């Protein structure tokens, strides 16, 4: 429930919604809160979102942002995940390139995450540097998006 969180500041905006930095009440844990408006979506789209949220809730991998909570109101969905600070896209934009000794561990972590998703019969449909975050200890975190496909 939204009552369990403080919404602090807007950190990103995309085609699927807005992401805010938040804090869980009583624990102080910093989280990311993605709000997805229901308006303009068909009942089938809304059912698909509910199904995808249930799938994402079960994913547990060190290189995939963990979903902590999800809830909905009549107007929107809210997906709460762990919060990771840096964005790989920003690093690449600022530095223009990375030395090979930095690229190798990033690539290995992304391959492990991709293998995990594929092992669970999931295809991530929006793979790009903007969706890869750098967590504490230089751990790469792939953002869980409500943009997945299940293998048939």
Foldseek 3Di string as FASTA:
>chain_A
DCVQKAFDAWDDADPQFTKTWIAGPPPRAIKIKGKGFCPPPDPVRVVLLVVLLVVLQPDDDQAAWHFDDWDDDPTIIITITHDFDAFQVVVCVVVVDDDPVLVVVVVVLVVVVCVSCVVVQKDAPDDDRRQWGQHPPRRIYGYDDSHMDGHD
